[in-house]
C-alpha cells in the first residue's frame, strides 16, 4: 500500500512562489491502479515524483 498525506509543493523560483500541490492526500491499495488526468500544467508529474520520493515535498508559504 502507498499512502501519502498532506502533500504540498511550491516553485520557489517564481515571485510569489507558485503553489503546485496543496494538501493532496493519496492512498493506493495493493493491486490498485492509479490514473492521473488533468490539463497541462496541473501538476501531474510533480505529484508522481513526490509520491515516488524522486522529489521531496516542500511546505508552501
Protein backbone atom coordinates (compact mmCIF):
# COMPACT_ATOMS: atom_id res chain seq x y z
CA UNK A 1 0.00 0.00 0.00
CA UNK A 2 1.16 3.52 -0.79
CA UNK A 3 -0.18 6.34 1.34
CA UNK A 4 0.87 9.98 1.20
CA UNK A 5 -0.94 12.69 3.13
CA UNK A 6 -0.96 16.48 3.01
CA UNK A 7 1.48 16.74 0.08
CA UNK A 8 2.42 20.34 -0.60
CA UNK A 9 4.87 21.61 -3.21
CA UNK A 10 5.73 25.12 -4.38
CA UNK A 11 8.03 26.51 -7.05
CA UNK A 12 10.32 28.87 -5.13
CA UNK A 13 11.84 30.29 -8.34
CA UNK A 14 8.78 32.41 -9.07
CA UNK A 15 7.74 35.59 -7.27
CA UNK A 16 5.50 34.99 -5.44
CA UNK A 17 6.21 31.24 -5.17
CA UNK A 18 3.76 29.25 -7.30
CA UNK A 19 1.74 26.61 -5.46
CA UNK A 20 1.90 23.34 -7.43
CA UNK A 21 0.38 20.92 -4.92
CA UNK A 22 -1.60 21.89 -1.84
CA UNK A 23 -2.82 19.41 0.78
CA UNK A 24 -3.08 16.37 -1.51
CA UNK A 25 -3.99 13.02 0.12
CA UNK A 26 -3.46 9.83 -1.93
CA UNK A 27 -3.91 6.19 -0.95
CA UNK A 28 -3.28 3.34 -3.38
CA UNK A 29 -4.05 -0.13 -2.06
CA UNK A 30 -2.15 -3.22 -3.11
CA UNK A 31 -3.34 -4.32 -6.55
CA UNK A 32 -4.96 -0.97 -7.37
CA UNK A 33 -4.01 1.22 -10.31
CA UNK A 34 -3.82 4.99 -10.22
CA UNK A 35 -4.61 7.24 -13.18
CA UNK A 36 -3.73 10.92 -13.15
CA UNK A 37 -5.74 13.02 -15.59
CA UNK A 38 -5.75 16.79 -15.92
CA UNK A 39 -4.92 19.78 -18.07
CA UNK A 40 -1.37 20.75 -18.97
CA UNK A 41 0.34 22.41 -16.02
CA UNK A 42 -1.92 20.84 -13.38
CA UNK A 43 1.00 19.12 -11.55
CA UNK A 44 0.50 15.50 -12.64
CA UNK A 45 4.23 14.65 -12.99
CA UNK A 46 5.04 16.61 -9.82
CA UNK A 47 2.51 14.53 -7.87
CA UNK A 48 4.01 11.29 -9.19
CA UNK A 49 7.59 12.44 -8.43
CA UNK A 50 6.67 13.42 -4.87
CA UNK A 51 4.71 10.18 -4.31
CA UNK A 52 7.62 8.06 -5.56
CA UNK A 53 10.17 10.00 -3.47
CA UNK A 54 12.07 11.13 -6.59
CA UNK A 55 11.29 14.69 -5.45
CA UNK A 56 10.66 15.96 -1.93
CA UNK A 57 7.51 17.78 -0.89
CA UNK A 58 8.00 21.27 0.49
CA UNK A 59 5.87 23.40 2.70
CA UNK A 60 4.26 26.29 0.90
CA UNK A 61 4.03 29.90 2.03
